[in-house]
Amino acid sequence: MMHFHFHPHSPGHCDCGETLPSSKIRQLWIALILIGGFAAAELGVGLNSHSLALVAESGHMFSDAIALGIALLATWVASLPASPQAPFGYRRVEILAALVNGMGLVLVAVLIAWEAIARLQSPSTEILSLPMLVTAAIGLGVNSLNAFLLHDHRQDDLNLQGAFLHMVADAISSVGVMLAAIAVWALHWNRADGAISLAVAIFILLGAIPLIQQSLHILLEKAPAHLELAQIQSDLESFDGVKSVDRLRVWSIALNQEALTAELTVTIKEGSGRDRLLAQLQTFLQQKFGIQEVFLQLVAPVPFNLSQPLTLLQLGQDTEATLTFTGQPAPSAPRFAPQCQAPSQDFPTEGKNHGKIGTV
């Protein structure tokens, strides 16, 4: 006897991917226009002033513009309603977008580091520090504004969190360009341009690695790090009527959207009692652990039946017990105790020797 329950949309269902999608899309559009336009202006100034730091920072901002475009598309797809073919919705698309953006950051960091090392070996002799300083200061303002726009939803959306980290990285890159401009102007240290670019590349790489790790963690459907499976199992087994919890599985569909499946052995036989227990378990998992997608299968304990050798074998692996039919310990005997005793018979052979057939 079993009870299977599918619970994709409970009253407390997390609509993190559906909360004000138009607001998120509008914010992404504003950030995309600002950063795309400024990246083009920054590239022009960087080429004119012979500043690798400024060119590298503009390249980073162009990559961020692409990242914002990917995030914008993913946010629109994720806002589509669930369907029979996609019962959990399309929020997983945002995780794919975050992974793509993370890999893009790694590529940008490698390219900037490559050029920075070359510039350190052969520094430019003509670097215009004033255009670098003014352009980087404007870039700091643009990136700070974009980071502010994306800050509100970043905790509930890994896709927007990746975009937010892009903006923060850009803001710090702008600070690095400003420092390089000051070093070139005050100290005439032209290698500062390459050194700052290398530092920016390292910073971008360090920001990309956690984003990639978190995206892969969800895509590989690993158990969420903030949930302890042993604690969940112990709490479920503490309910009256629950004998054991088996096949417990917890995974993330998207950021802050977890799902759980489990098989519960229960001693309650009445259908109404099982329904009440099921509702209590679902409410408990939602309120304490924030798990909204709950799939529970309730089964009755397996009865002791001598006609099921597999059951006896499983019991024998856990405990040593002697099965008796009279209440007395069974005598120790070989596995195949019954033996057939046949009388000896002599058969004539050549000469006076005789063969003899013994017991079978």
Protein backbone atom coordinates (compact mmCIF):
# COMPACT_ATOMS: atom_id res chain seq x y z
CA MET A 1 0.00 0.00 0.00
CA MET A 2 1.48 3.33 -0.95
CA HIS A 3 0.57 6.95 -1.34
CA PHE A 4 2.32 9.14 -3.88
CA HIS A 5 2.04 12.89 -3.81
CA PHE A 6 3.10 15.43 -6.42
CA HIS A 7 3.32 18.97 -5.08
CA PRO A 8 4.83 21.35 -7.62
CA HIS A 9 2.99 24.53 -6.59
CA SER A 10 2.10 24.96 -2.98
CA PRO A 11 0.60 28.10 -1.47
CA GLY A 12 4.03 29.04 -0.16
CA HIS A 13 5.72 28.31 -3.46
CA CYS A 14 8.84 30.31 -4.13
CA ASP A 15 8.21 32.57 -7.07
CA CYS A 16 11.70 33.94 -7.03
CA GLY A 17 11.97 33.62 -10.77
CA GLU A 18 8.58 35.24 -11.34
CA THR A 19 8.77 38.16 -8.89
CA LEU A 20 8.39 41.39 -10.85
CA PRO A 21 10.00 40.08 -14.06
CA SER A 22 9.22 43.37 -15.82
CA SER A 23 11.14 45.27 -13.13
CA LYS A 24 14.20 43.06 -13.51
CA ILE A 25 14.06 43.26 -17.29
CA ARG A 26 13.81 47.06 -17.15
CA GLN A 27 16.79 47.30 -14.82
CA LEU A 28 18.84 45.01 -17.07
CA TRP A 29 17.96 47.13 -20.11
CA ILE A 30 19.10 50.32 -18.35
CA ALA A 31 22.35 48.71 -17.24
CA LEU A 32 22.96 47.28 -20.73
CA ILE A 33 22.50 50.65 -22.47
CA LEU A 34 24.69 52.48 -19.96
CA ILE A 35 27.55 50.02 -19.98
CA GLY A 36 27.44 49.37 -23.73
CA GLY A 37 27.58 53.08 -24.60
CA PHE A 38 30.31 53.82 -22.12
CA ALA A 39 32.41 50.82 -23.22
CA ALA A 40 32.47 52.20 -26.77
CA ALA A 41 33.56 55.63 -25.51
CA GLU A 42 36.17 54.10 -23.22
CA LEU A 43 37.65 52.04 -26.04
CA GLY A 44 38.07 55.16 -28.18
CA VAL A 45 39.79 57.10 -25.41
CA GLY A 46 42.01 54.12 -24.53
CA LEU A 47 43.24 53.73 -28.11
CA ASN A 48 43.86 57.47 -28.40
CA SER A 49 45.77 57.69 -25.09
CA HIS A 50 47.75 54.45 -25.69
CA SER A 51 46.52 53.05 -22.37
CA LEU A 52 46.31 49.29 -22.18
CA ALA A 53 44.58 49.55 -18.81
CA LEU A 54 41.81 51.64 -20.37
CA VAL A 55 41.51 49.37 -23.42
CA ALA A 56 41.47 46.30 -21.17
CA GLU A 57 38.83 47.86 -18.97
CA SER A 58 36.71 48.73 -22.01
CA GLY A 59 37.05 45.14 -23.23
CA HIS A 60 35.89 43.96 -19.87
CA MET A 61 32.91 46.29 -20.06
CA PHE A 62 32.07 45.04 -23.56
CA SER A 63 32.08 41.50 -22.20
CA ASP A 64 29.82 42.71 -19.41
CA ALA A 65 27.46 44.20 -21.99
CA ILE A 66 27.28 40.76 -23.63
CA ALA A 67 26.78 39.20 -20.21
CA LEU A 68 23.92 41.58 -19.50
CA GLY A 69 22.37 40.67 -22.85
CA ILE A 70 22.55 36.98 -21.96
CA ALA A 71 21.13 37.71 -18.51
CA LEU A 72 18.32 39.73 -20.08
CA LEU A 73 17.38 36.90 -22.43
CA ALA A 74 17.56 34.32 -19.63
CA THR A 75 15.37 36.46 -17.37
CA TRP A 76 12.71 36.70 -20.07
CA VAL A 77 12.77 32.94 -20.70
CA ALA A 78 12.67 32.19 -16.97
CA SER A 79 9.51 34.28 -16.60
CA LEU A 80 7.59 31.95 -18.92
CA PRO A 81 4.93 29.92 -17.07
CA ALA A 82 5.37 26.26 -16.21
CA SER A 83 3.86 23.67 -18.54
CA PRO A 84 3.32 19.89 -18.59
CA GLN A 85 6.60 19.59 -20.49
CA ALA A 86 8.39 21.91 -18.01
CA PRO A 87 6.64 21.38 -14.64
CA PHE A 88 9.30 23.34 -12.73
CA GLY A 89 9.27 26.26 -15.16
CA TYR A 90 12.30 27.62 -17.00
CA ARG A 91 14.42 29.03 -14.17
CA ARG A 92 17.19 26.55 -14.98
CA VAL A 93 17.91 28.72 -18.05
CA GLU A 94 19.18 31.41 -15.68
CA ILE A 95 21.70 28.94 -14.26
CA LEU A 96 22.95 28.15 -17.76
CA ALA A 97 23.30 31.88 -18.43
CA ALA A 98 25.27 32.33 -15.21
CA LEU A 99 27.62 29.51 -16.24
CA VAL A 100 28.14 31.06 -19.69
CA ASN A 101 28.87 34.45 -18.12
CA GLY A 102 31.32 32.89 -15.71
CA MET A 103 33.20 31.17 -18.52
CA GLY A 104 33.22 34.44 -20.45
CA LEU A 105 34.83 36.18 -17.49
CA VAL A 106 37.57 33.57 -17.41
CA LEU A 107 38.27 34.15 -21.11
CA VAL A 108 38.44 37.93 -20.64
CA ALA A 109 40.78 37.55 -17.67
CA VAL A 110 43.15 35.33 -19.66
CA LEU A 111 43.27 37.77 -22.59
CA ILE A 112 43.88 40.79 -20.34
CA ALA A 113 46.61 38.95 -18.43
CA TRP A 114 48.30 37.96 -21.70
CA GLU A 115 48.40 41.56 -22.94
CA ALA A 116 49.44 42.87 -19.51
CA ILE A 117 52.47 40.56 -19.38
CA ALA A 118 53.47 41.70 -22.88
CA ARG A 119 53.07 45.35 -21.85
CA LEU A 120 55.20 44.81 -18.74
CA GLN A 121 57.98 43.46 -20.92
CA SER A 122 57.69 46.32 -23.43
CA PRO A 123 55.93 49.30 -21.81
CA SER A 124 54.49 52.05 -23.97
CA THR A 125 56.47 55.27 -24.00
CA GLU A 126 53.46 57.52 -24.64
CA ILE A 127 50.60 57.17 -22.16
CA LEU A 128 48.23 60.10 -21.70
CA SER A 129 47.34 59.95 -18.03
CA LEU A 130 44.70 62.71 -17.92
CA PRO A 131 42.25 61.09 -20.40
CA MET A 132 42.76 57.81 -18.51
CA LEU A 133 41.89 59.42 -15.20
CA VAL A 134 38.78 61.28 -16.44
CA THR A 135 37.40 58.31 -18.37
CA ALA A 136 37.98 55.88 -15.50
CA ALA A 137 36.26 58.25 -13.06
CA ILE A 138 33.18 58.39 -15.30
CA GLY A 139 33.31 54.59 -15.63
CA LEU A 140 33.35 54.23 -11.86
CA GLY A 141 30.14 56.23 -11.67
CA VAL A 142 28.43 54.22 -14.42
CA ASN A 143 29.42 50.87 -12.93
CA SER A 144 28.39 51.91 -9.44
CA LEU A 145 24.96 52.94 -10.76
CA ASN A 146 24.53 49.61 -12.55
CA ALA A 147 25.55 47.68 -9.45
CA PHE A 148 22.97 49.63 -7.46
CA LEU A 149 20.25 48.79 -10.02
CA LEU A 150 20.97 45.05 -9.87
CA HIS A 151 21.54 44.83 -6.13
CA ASP A 152 17.94 44.20 -5.02
CA HIS A 153 17.31 40.88 -6.80
CA ARG A 154 20.78 39.36 -6.73
CA GLN A 155 20.11 37.19 -3.65
CA ASP A 156 17.21 35.38 -5.34
CA ASP A 157 18.64 35.00 -8.82
CA LEU A 158 22.02 33.49 -9.68
CA ASN A 159 21.75 35.00 -13.15
CA LEU A 160 21.42 38.54 -11.77
CA GLN A 161 24.04 37.79 -9.15
CA GLY A 162 26.48 37.07 -11.96
CA ALA A 163 25.54 40.33 -13.67
CA PHE A 164 25.93 42.18 -10.37
CA LEU A 165 29.41 40.72 -9.87
CA HIS A 166 30.30 41.93 -13.37
CA MET A 167 29.34 45.46 -12.38
CA VAL A 168 31.31 45.31 -9.14
CA ALA A 169 34.35 44.01 -11.03
CA ASP A 170 34.00 46.88 -13.49
CA ALA A 171 33.85 49.42 -10.69
CA ILE A 172 37.03 48.06 -9.13
CA SER A 173 38.65 47.96 -12.58
CA SER A 174 37.87 51.65 -12.95
CA VAL A 175 39.57 52.31 -9.63
CA GLY A 176 42.59 50.38 -10.91
CA VAL A 177 42.75 52.47 -14.08
CA MET A 178 42.60 55.65 -11.99
CA LEU A 179 45.51 54.42 -9.87
CA ALA A 180 47.49 53.57 -13.01
CA ALA A 181 46.84 57.04 -14.43
CA ILE A 182 48.04 58.69 -11.23
CA ALA A 183 51.18 56.51 -11.18
CA VAL A 184 52.00 57.38 -14.79
CA TRP A 185 51.39 61.11 -14.22
CA ALA A 186 53.12 61.49 -10.84
CA LEU A 187 55.85 58.83 -10.98
CA HIS A 188 56.30 58.48 -14.74
CA TRP A 189 56.11 54.72 -14.15
CA ASN A 190 54.66 53.50 -17.43
CA ARG A 191 54.80 49.86 -16.31
CA ALA A 192 52.03 50.71 -13.84
CA ASP A 193 49.62 50.42 -16.77
CA GLY A 194 50.51 46.75 -17.33
CA ALA A 195 50.77 45.98 -13.62
CA ILE A 196 47.29 47.34 -12.90
CA SER A 197 45.91 45.44 -15.92
CA LEU A 198 47.37 42.20 -14.55
CA ALA A 199 45.83 42.88 -11.15
CA VAL A 200 42.45 43.52 -12.82
CA ALA A 201 42.73 40.20 -14.69
CA ILE A 202 43.42 38.33 -11.46
CA PHE A 203 40.47 40.03 -9.78
CA ILE A 204 38.13 39.09 -12.65
CA LEU A 205 39.29 35.47 -12.47
CA LEU A 206 38.74 35.29 -8.73
CA GLY A 207 35.21 36.62 -9.17
CA ALA A 208 34.38 34.15 -11.96
CA ILE A 209 35.41 30.96 -10.16
CA PRO A 210 32.70 31.04 -7.43
CA LEU A 211 30.05 31.85 -10.03
CA ILE A 212 31.08 28.84 -12.14
CA GLN A 213 31.22 26.58 -9.08
CA GLN A 214 27.76 27.56 -7.89
CA SER A 215 26.27 27.16 -11.37
CA LEU A 216 27.78 23.69 -11.78
CA HIS A 217 26.59 22.73 -8.29
CA ILE A 218 22.99 23.37 -9.35
CA LEU A 219 23.29 21.96 -12.87
CA LEU A 220 24.78 18.71 -11.50
CA GLU A 221 21.81 18.54 -9.08
CA LYS A 222 23.98 18.19 -6.01
CA ALA A 223 22.42 18.56 -2.58
CA PRO A 224 22.23 22.23 -1.50
CA ALA A 225 25.08 23.12 0.82
CA HIS A 226 22.80 24.88 3.30
CA LEU A 227 20.60 21.80 3.86
CA GLU A 228 21.67 18.89 6.08
CA LEU A 229 20.12 15.64 4.83
CA ALA A 230 20.73 13.89 8.15
CA GLN A 231 18.82 16.64 9.97
CA ILE A 232 15.91 16.47 7.52
CA GLN A 233 15.70 12.69 7.88
CA SER A 234 15.81 12.89 11.68
CA ASP A 235 13.07 15.53 11.75
CA LEU A 236 10.82 13.52 9.43
CA GLU A 237 11.27 10.35 11.49
CA SER A 238 10.26 12.27 14.63
CA PHE A 239 6.66 12.56 13.37
CA ASP A 240 4.15 10.17 14.91
CA GLY A 241 3.40 7.35 12.52
CA VAL A 242 6.65 7.63 10.56
CA LYS A 243 8.73 4.51 11.06
CA SER A 244 11.62 5.23 8.68
CA VAL A 245 12.72 7.51 5.83
CA ASP A 246 14.45 6.02 2.78
CA ARG A 247 15.63 7.27 -0.61
CA LEU A 248 15.83 10.87 0.57
CA ARG A 249 16.93 13.15 -2.27
CA VAL A 250 17.25 16.95 -2.23
CA TRP A 251 18.46 19.10 -5.12
CA SER A 252 18.22 22.66 -6.45
CA ILE A 253 16.18 23.57 -9.52
CA ALA A 254 17.44 27.15 -9.35
CA LEU A 255 18.78 29.47 -6.69
CA ASN A 256 16.46 29.29 -3.62
CA GLN A 257 14.21 26.76 -5.34
CA GLU A 258 14.80 23.29 -3.91
CA ALA A 259 13.01 19.99 -4.46
CA LEU A 260 12.77 16.91 -2.24
CA THR A 261 11.75 13.30 -2.79
CA ALA A 262 11.56 10.58 -0.15
CA GLU A 263 9.96 7.25 0.65
CA LEU A 264 8.43 7.12 4.13
CA THR A 265 7.42 3.91 5.87
CA VAL A 266 4.37 4.75 8.00
CA THR A 267 2.27 2.73 10.40
CA ILE A 268 -0.95 4.67 9.79
CA LYS A 269 -3.42 2.58 7.79
CA GLU A 270 -6.40 4.92 7.45
CA GLY A 271 -6.46 7.07 4.33
CA SER A 272 -7.59 10.18 6.23
CA GLY A 273 -4.79 9.78 8.75
CA ARG A 274 -2.23 9.44 5.96
CA ASP A 275 -3.55 12.58 4.30
CA ARG A 276 -3.22 14.55 7.53
CA LEU A 277 0.32 13.26 8.05
CA LEU A 278 1.22 14.14 4.48
CA ALA A 279 -0.05 17.71 4.87
CA GLN A 280 1.87 18.10 8.12
CA LEU A 281 5.10 16.88 6.53
CA GLN A 282 4.75 19.22 3.56
CA THR A 283 4.05 22.24 5.76
CA PHE A 284 6.99 21.37 7.99
CA LEU A 285 9.44 21.06 5.09
CA GLN A 286 8.26 24.35 3.60
CA GLN A 287 8.39 26.35 6.83
CA LYS A 288 11.60 25.02 8.40
CA PHE A 289 13.77 24.28 5.35
CA GLY A 290 12.12 26.40 2.64
CA ILE A 291 11.62 23.37 0.36
CA GLN A 292 8.63 24.06 -1.85
CA GLU A 293 8.74 21.19 -4.36
CA VAL A 294 7.89 18.12 -2.25
CA PHE A 295 7.39 14.57 -3.54
CA LEU A 296 6.58 12.03 -0.81
CA GLN A 297 5.71 8.34 -1.16
CA LEU A 298 4.09 6.71 1.86
CA VAL A 299 4.38 2.92 2.15
CA ALA A 300 3.24 0.39 4.74
CA PRO A 301 5.77 -1.70 6.67
CA VAL A 302 6.71 -4.96 4.91
CA PRO A 303 4.88 -7.82 6.69
CA PHE A 304 6.84 -10.88 7.91
CA ASN A 305 6.11 -13.62 5.39
CA LEU A 306 7.94 -16.94 5.25
CA SER A 307 7.05 -17.25 1.57
CA GLN A 308 9.36 -14.36 0.77
CA PRO A 309 12.94 -15.66 0.97
CA LEU A 310 14.35 -12.25 0.01
CA THR A 311 12.75 -10.71 3.08
CA LEU A 312 14.25 -13.38 5.33
CA LEU A 313 17.63 -12.86 3.71
CA GLN A 314 17.48 -9.11 4.37
CA LEU A 315 16.48 -9.71 7.99
CA GLY A 316 19.30 -12.17 8.41
CA GLN A 317 21.83 -9.59 7.30
CA ASP A 318 20.90 -7.30 10.18
CA THR A 319 20.25 -9.75 13.05
CA GLU A 320 21.04 -13.35 13.83
CA ALA A 321 17.81 -15.17 14.61
CA THR A 322 16.78 -18.80 14.74
CA LEU A 323 13.44 -19.48 13.10
CA THR A 324 11.37 -22.10 14.88
CA PHE A 325 7.94 -23.50 14.36
CA THR A 326 7.40 -24.95 17.87
CA GLY A 327 8.94 -22.28 20.03
CA GLN A 328 12.03 -24.41 20.66
CA PRO A 329 15.44 -23.66 19.19
CA ALA A 330 15.94 -25.43 15.92
CA PRO A 331 18.60 -28.16 16.06
CA SER A 332 21.80 -27.47 14.28
CA ALA A 333 21.94 -29.54 11.14
CA PRO A 334 23.46 -29.38 7.70
CA ARG A 335 21.69 -27.22 5.14
CA PHE A 336 20.23 -30.34 3.44
CA ALA A 337 19.43 -32.46 6.50
CA PRO A 338 17.16 -35.14 4.95
CA GLN A 339 19.15 -38.13 3.72
CA CYS A 340 18.04 -41.25 1.87
CA GLN A 341 19.51 -44.54 3.19
CA ALA A 342 19.40 -47.33 0.64
CA PRO A 343 20.19 -50.98 1.44
CA SER A 344 23.49 -52.31 0.25
CA GLN A 345 23.32 -54.53 -2.82
CA ASP A 346 26.03 -56.76 -4.21
CA PHE A 347 26.57 -57.16 -7.90
CA PRO A 348 28.71 -59.90 -9.36
CA THR A 349 31.84 -59.00 -11.21
CA GLU A 350 34.74 -60.90 -12.69
CA GLY A 351 36.37 -63.24 -10.29
CA LYS A 352 35.29 -63.23 -6.69
CA ASN A 353 35.38 -59.52 -6.15
CA HIS A 354 32.08 -57.78 -5.68
CA GLY A 355 31.08 -54.14 -6.04
CA LYS A 356 28.87 -52.51 -3.44
CA ILE A 357 26.52 -49.54 -3.66
CA GLY A 358 26.37 -47.62 -0.42
CA THR A 359 24.26 -44.72 0.79
CA VAL A 360 22.99 -42.13 -1.57
